[in-house]
Amino acid sequence: MFGELLIKYNYWIYAVLLTLGFYGMMTKNNLMKKLIAMNVFQWAVIFYFISIGAKRGGNVP
């Protein structure tokens, strides 16, 4: 079971980034810090979408 969790380590990293970004957006009062947290949240979502769309052995059409 632990081996299955390690195979999908990138999803765990995205979940941590998503949580940190959401936490930063909700708790910080400084607008620049909120903007940085929103950027972290956005990158976590973008990396997640890229990782679920990746195919092993796929070719460019």
PDB file of N, CA and C in Angstrom:
ATOM      1  N   MET A   1       0.818  -1.192   0.000  1.00  0.00           N
ATOM      2  CA  MET A   1       0.000   0.000   0.000  1.00  0.00           C
ATOM      3  C   MET A   1       0.866   1.261   0.000  1.00  0.00           C
ATOM      4  N   PHE A   2       1.942   1.236   0.773  1.00  0.00           N
ATOM      5  CA  PHE A   2       2.819   2.408   0.826  1.00  0.00           C
ATOM      6  C   PHE A   2       3.498   2.634  -0.513  1.00  0.00           C
ATOM      7  N   GLY A   3       3.786   1.554  -1.225  1.00  0.00           N
ATOM      8  CA  GLY A   3       4.398   1.670  -2.544  1.00  0.00           C
ATOM      9  C   GLY A   3       3.476   2.348  -3.544  1.00  0.00           C
ATOM     10  N   GLU A   4       2.172   2.088  -3.426  1.00  0.00           N
ATOM     11  CA  GLU A   4       1.206   2.730  -4.319  1.00  0.00           C
ATOM     12  C   GLU A   4       1.142   4.230  -4.074  1.00  0.00           C
ATOM     13  N   LEU A   5       1.312   4.645  -2.837  1.00  0.00           N
ATOM     14  CA  LEU A   5       1.306   6.071  -2.519  1.00  0.00           C
ATOM     15  C   LEU A   5       2.552   6.764  -3.055  1.00  0.00           C
ATOM     16  N   LEU A   6       3.674   6.050  -3.047  1.00  0.00           N
ATOM     17  CA  LEU A   6       4.911   6.641  -3.549  1.00  0.00           C
ATOM     18  C   LEU A   6       4.923   6.765  -5.067  1.00  0.00           C
ATOM     19  N   ILE A   7       4.176   5.905  -5.746  1.00  0.00           N
ATOM     20  CA  ILE A   7       4.131   5.977  -7.204  1.00  0.00           C
ATOM     21  C   ILE A   7       3.498   7.292  -7.651  1.00  0.00           C
ATOM     22  N   LYS A   8       2.499   7.744  -6.926  1.00  0.00           N
ATOM     23  CA  LYS A   8       1.785   8.974  -7.286  1.00  0.00           C
ATOM     24  C   LYS A   8       2.227  10.140  -6.410  1.00  0.00           C
ATOM     25  N   TYR A   9       3.528  10.266  -6.203  1.00  0.00           N
ATOM     26  CA  TYR A   9       4.052  11.322  -5.340  1.00  0.00           C
ATOM     27  C   TYR A   9       3.759  12.716  -5.879  1.00  0.00           C
ATOM     28  N   ASN A  10       3.679  12.862  -7.199  1.00  0.00           N
ATOM     29  CA  ASN A  10       3.426  14.188  -7.759  1.00  0.00           C
ATOM     30  C   ASN A  10       2.046  14.709  -7.362  1.00  0.00           C
ATOM     31  N   TYR A  11       1.056  13.829  -7.226  1.00  0.00           N
ATOM     32  CA  TYR A  11      -0.266  14.273  -6.790  1.00  0.00           C
ATOM     33  C   TYR A  11      -0.235  14.764  -5.348  1.00  0.00           C
ATOM     34  N   TRP A  12       0.587  14.141  -4.528  1.00  0.00           N
ATOM     35  CA  TRP A  12       0.723  14.599  -3.140  1.00  0.00           C
ATOM     36  C   TRP A  12       1.381  15.972  -3.086  1.00  0.00           C
ATOM     37  N   ILE A  13       2.358  16.198  -3.939  1.00  0.00           N
ATOM     38  CA  ILE A  13       3.013  17.513  -3.989  1.00  0.00           C
ATOM     39  C   ILE A  13       2.019  18.579  -4.430  1.00  0.00           C
ATOM     40  N   TYR A  14       1.193  18.253  -5.429  1.00  0.00           N
ATOM     41  CA  TYR A  14       0.193  19.218  -5.886  1.00  0.00           C
ATOM     42  C   TYR A  14      -0.831  19.502  -4.796  1.00  0.00           C
ATOM     43  N   ALA A  15      -1.219  18.486  -4.043  1.00  0.00           N
ATOM     44  CA  ALA A  15      -2.180  18.694  -2.958  1.00  0.00           C
ATOM     45  C   ALA A  15      -1.599  19.597  -1.875  1.00  0.00           C
ATOM     46  N   VAL A  16      -0.317  19.428  -1.566  1.00  0.00           N
ATOM     47  CA  VAL A  16       0.326  20.283  -0.565  1.00  0.00           C
ATOM     48  C   VAL A  16       0.412  21.720  -1.070  1.00  0.00           C
ATOM     49  N   LEU A  17       0.799  21.903  -2.328  1.00  0.00           N
ATOM     50  CA  LEU A  17       0.858  23.250  -2.903  1.00  0.00           C
ATOM     51  C   LEU A  17      -0.520  23.902  -2.938  1.00  0.00           C
ATOM     52  N   LEU A  18      -1.531  23.128  -3.290  1.00  0.00           N
ATOM     53  CA  LEU A  18      -2.893  23.646  -3.332  1.00  0.00           C
ATOM     54  C   LEU A  18      -3.342  24.082  -1.945  1.00  0.00           C
ATOM     55  N   THR A  19      -3.039  23.281  -0.941  1.00  0.00           N
ATOM     56  CA  THR A  19      -3.418  23.607   0.430  1.00  0.00           C
ATOM     57  C   THR A  19      -2.674  24.836   0.932  1.00  0.00           C
ATOM     58  N   LEU A  20      -1.386  24.918   0.644  1.00  0.00           N
ATOM     59  CA  LEU A  20      -0.617  26.089   1.075  1.00  0.00           C
ATOM     60  C   LEU A  20      -1.113  27.364   0.402  1.00  0.00           C
ATOM     61  N   GLY A  21      -1.422  27.281  -0.868  1.00  0.00           N
ATOM     62  CA  GLY A  21      -1.935  28.443  -1.574  1.00  0.00           C
ATOM     63  C   GLY A  21      -3.286  28.887  -1.043  1.00  0.00           C
ATOM     64  N   PHE A  22      -4.166  27.938  -0.785  1.00  0.00           N
ATOM     65  CA  PHE A  22      -5.487  28.269  -0.246  1.00  0.00           C
ATOM     66  C   PHE A  22      -5.377  28.848   1.157  1.00  0.00           C
ATOM     67  N   TYR A  23      -4.508  28.265   1.970  1.00  0.00           N
ATOM     68  CA  TYR A  23      -4.288  28.775   3.326  1.00  0.00           C
ATOM     69  C   TYR A  23      -3.754  30.203   3.288  1.00  0.00           C
ATOM     70  N   GLY A  24      -2.813  30.462   2.401  1.00  0.00           N
ATOM     71  CA  GLY A  24      -2.253  31.803   2.281  1.00  0.00           C
ATOM     72  C   GLY A  24      -3.278  32.822   1.821  1.00  0.00           C
ATOM     73  N   MET A  25      -4.164  32.415   0.907  1.00  0.00           N
ATOM     74  CA  MET A  25      -5.189  33.346   0.434  1.00  0.00           C
ATOM     75  C   MET A  25      -6.196  33.681   1.526  1.00  0.00           C
ATOM     76  N   MET A  26      -6.490  32.721   2.382  1.00  0.00           N
ATOM     77  CA  MET A  26      -7.517  32.938   3.401  1.00  0.00           C
ATOM     78  C   MET A  26      -6.996  33.646   4.650  1.00  0.00           C
ATOM     79  N   THR A  27      -5.717  33.499   4.965  1.00  0.00           N
ATOM     80  CA  THR A  27      -5.235  34.005   6.253  1.00  0.00           C
ATOM     81  C   THR A  27      -4.419  35.288   6.171  1.00  0.00           C
ATOM     82  N   LYS A  28      -3.841  35.591   5.047  1.00  0.00           N
ATOM     83  CA  LYS A  28      -2.971  36.767   4.953  1.00  0.00           C
ATOM     84  C   LYS A  28      -3.782  38.029   4.693  1.00  0.00           C
ATOM     85  N   ASN A  29      -3.357  39.129   5.310  1.00  0.00           N
ATOM     86  CA  ASN A  29      -4.016  40.415   5.107  1.00  0.00           C
ATOM     87  C   ASN A  29      -3.308  41.266   4.062  1.00  0.00           C
ATOM     88  N   ASN A  30      -2.029  41.032   3.874  1.00  0.00           N
ATOM     89  CA  ASN A  30      -1.246  41.787   2.899  1.00  0.00           C
ATOM     90  C   ASN A  30      -1.635  41.341   1.488  1.00  0.00           C
ATOM     91  N   LEU A  31      -1.931  42.302   0.628  1.00  0.00           N
ATOM     92  CA  LEU A  31      -2.398  41.991  -0.720  1.00  0.00           C
ATOM     93  C   LEU A  31      -1.326  41.285  -1.552  1.00  0.00           C
ATOM     94  N   MET A  32      -0.072  41.664  -1.395  1.00  0.00           N
ATOM     95  CA  MET A  32       0.999  41.009  -2.156  1.00  0.00           C
ATOM     96  C   MET A  32       1.166  39.550  -1.726  1.00  0.00           C
ATOM     97  N   LYS A  33       1.037  39.284  -0.429  1.00  0.00           N
ATOM     98  CA  LYS A  33       1.135  37.900   0.045  1.00  0.00           C
ATOM     99  C   LYS A  33      -0.039  37.071  -0.462  1.00  0.00           C
ATOM    100  N   LYS A  34      -1.215  37.687  -0.536  1.00  0.00           N
ATOM    101  CA  LYS A  34      -2.374  36.986  -1.092  1.00  0.00           C
ATOM    102  C   LYS A  34      -2.160  36.684  -2.568  1.00  0.00           C
ATOM    103  N   LEU A  35      -1.555  37.613  -3.271  1.00  0.00           N
ATOM    104  CA  LEU A  35      -1.288  37.421  -4.691  1.00  0.00           C
ATOM    105  C   LEU A  35      -0.283  36.288  -4.916  1.00  0.00           C
ATOM    106  N   ILE A  36       0.738  36.220  -4.083  1.00  0.00           N
ATOM    107  CA  ILE A  36       1.720  35.137  -4.174  1.00  0.00           C
ATOM    108  C   ILE A  36       1.063  33.799  -3.855  1.00  0.00           C
ATOM    109  N   ALA A  37       0.208  33.773  -2.836  1.00  0.00           N
ATOM    110  CA  ALA A  37      -0.497  32.538  -2.481  1.00  0.00           C
ATOM    111  C   ALA A  37      -1.431  32.103  -3.605  1.00  0.00           C
ATOM    112  N   MET A  38      -2.079  33.064  -4.253  1.00  0.00           N
ATOM    113  CA  MET A  38      -2.953  32.738  -5.373  1.00  0.00           C
ATOM    114  C   MET A  38      -2.148  32.174  -6.538  1.00  0.00           C
ATOM    115  N   ASN A  39      -0.943  32.686  -6.734  1.00  0.00           N
ATOM    116  CA  ASN A  39      -0.069  32.179  -7.786  1.00  0.00           C
ATOM    117  C   ASN A  39       0.357  30.743  -7.485  1.00  0.00           C
ATOM    118  N   VAL A  40       0.661  30.431  -6.236  1.00  0.00           N
ATOM    119  CA  VAL A  40       1.014  29.057  -5.844  1.00  0.00           C
ATOM    120  C   VAL A  40      -0.172  28.130  -6.089  1.00  0.00           C
ATOM    121  N   PHE A  41      -1.361  28.571  -5.710  1.00  0.00           N
ATOM    122  CA  PHE A  41      -2.586  27.799  -5.931  1.00  0.00           C
ATOM    123  C   PHE A  41      -2.796  27.538  -7.423  1.00  0.00           C
ATOM    124  N   GLN A  42      -2.595  28.556  -8.229  1.00  0.00           N
ATOM    125  CA  GLN A  42      -2.780  28.444  -9.675  1.00  0.00           C
ATOM    126  C   GLN A  42      -1.779  27.464 -10.279  1.00  0.00           C
ATOM    127  N   TRP A  43      -0.523  27.538  -9.873  1.00  0.00           N
ATOM    128  CA  TRP A  43       0.482  26.620 -10.412  1.00  0.00           C
ATOM    129  C   TRP A  43       0.194  25.180 -10.018  1.00  0.00           C
ATOM    130  N   ALA A  44      -0.338  24.972  -8.812  1.00  0.00           N
ATOM    131  CA  ALA A  44      -0.690  23.614  -8.398  1.00  0.00           C
ATOM    132  C   ALA A  44      -1.774  23.042  -9.309  1.00  0.00           C
ATOM    133  N   VAL A  45      -2.763  23.844  -9.646  1.00  0.00           N
ATOM    134  CA  VAL A  45      -3.835  23.385 -10.537  1.00  0.00           C
ATOM    135  C   VAL A  45      -3.297  23.120 -11.941  1.00  0.00           C
ATOM    136  N   ILE A  46      -2.461  24.007 -12.445  1.00  0.00           N
ATOM    137  CA  ILE A  46      -1.900  23.831 -13.792  1.00  0.00           C
ATOM    138  C   ILE A  46      -1.029  22.579 -13.860  1.00  0.00           C
ATOM    139  N   PHE A  47      -0.164  22.378 -12.873  1.00  0.00           N
ATOM    140  CA  PHE A  47       0.681  21.180 -12.860  1.00  0.00           C
ATOM    141  C   PHE A  47      -0.154  19.910 -12.734  1.00  0.00           C
ATOM    142  N   TYR A  48      -1.251  19.973 -11.985  1.00  0.00           N
ATOM    143  CA  TYR A  48      -2.132  18.811 -11.855  1.00  0.00           C
ATOM    144  C   TYR A  48      -2.747  18.460 -13.208  1.00  0.00           C
ATOM    145  N   PHE A  49      -3.253  19.460 -13.920  1.00  0.00           N
ATOM    146  CA  PHE A  49      -3.848  19.197 -15.226  1.00  0.00           C
ATOM    147  C   PHE A  49      -2.818  18.671 -16.221  1.00  0.00           C
ATOM    148  N   ILE A  50      -1.610  19.176 -16.166  1.00  0.00           N
ATOM    149  CA  ILE A  50      -0.554  18.682 -17.055  1.00  0.00           C
ATOM    150  C   ILE A  50      -0.219  17.233 -16.726  1.00  0.00           C
ATOM    151  N   SER A  51      -0.165  16.895 -15.438  1.00  0.00           N
ATOM    152  CA  SER A  51       0.224  15.537 -15.055  1.00  0.00           C
ATOM    153  C   SER A  51      -0.852  14.512 -15.389  1.00  0.00           C
ATOM    154  N   ILE A  52      -2.131  14.882 -15.335  1.00  0.00           N
ATOM    155  CA  ILE A  52      -3.154  13.891 -15.686  1.00  0.00           C
ATOM    156  C   ILE A  52      -3.276  13.735 -17.201  1.00  0.00           C
ATOM    157  N   GLY A  53      -2.757  14.693 -17.952  1.00  0.00           N
ATOM    158  CA  GLY A  53      -2.817  14.602 -19.407  1.00  0.00           C
ATOM    159  C   GLY A  53      -1.593  13.959 -20.033  1.00  0.00           C
ATOM    160  N   ALA A  54      -0.561  13.707 -19.237  1.00  0.00           N
ATOM    161  CA  ALA A  54       0.671  13.127 -19.774  1.00  0.00           C
ATOM    162  C   ALA A  54       0.478  11.639 -20.056  1.00  0.00           C
ATOM    163  N   LYS A  55       1.012  11.190 -21.188  1.00  0.00           N
ATOM    164  CA  LYS A  55       0.935   9.779 -21.552  1.00  0.00           C
ATOM    165  C   LYS A  55       2.336   9.249 -21.754  1.00  0.00           C
ATOM    166  N   ARG A  56       2.584   8.078 -21.229  1.00  0.00           N
ATOM    167  CA  ARG A  56       3.877   7.441 -21.391  1.00  0.00           C
ATOM    168  C   ARG A  56       3.988   6.865 -22.796  1.00  0.00           C
ATOM    169  N   GLY A  57       5.031   7.245 -23.491  1.00  0.00           N
ATOM    170  CA  GLY A  57       5.242   6.731 -24.838  1.00  0.00           C
ATOM    171  C   GLY A  57       4.414   7.431 -25.902  1.00  0.00           C
ATOM    172  N   GLY A  58       3.797   8.551 -25.555  1.00  0.00           N
ATOM    173  CA  GLY A  58       2.988   9.277 -26.531  1.00  0.00           C
ATOM    174  C   GLY A  58       3.854  10.093 -27.479  1.00  0.00           C
ATOM    175  N   ASN A  59       3.348  10.315 -28.679  1.00  0.00           N
ATOM    176  CA  ASN A  59       4.054  11.098 -29.692  1.00  0.00           C
ATOM    177  C   ASN A  59       3.287  12.374 -29.992  1.00  0.00           C
ATOM    178  N   VAL A  60       4.003  13.373 -30.449  1.00  0.00           N
ATOM    179  CA  VAL A  60       3.374  14.615 -30.865  1.00  0.00           C
ATOM    180  C   VAL A  60       2.703  14.381 -32.213  1.00  0.00           C
ATOM    181  N   PRO A  61       1.445  14.777 -32.378  1.00  0.00           N
ATOM    182  CA  PRO A  61       0.772  14.519 -33.666  1.00  0.00           C
ATOM    183  C   PRO A  61       1.329  15.379 -34.778  1.00  0.00           C
TER     184      PRO A  61
END
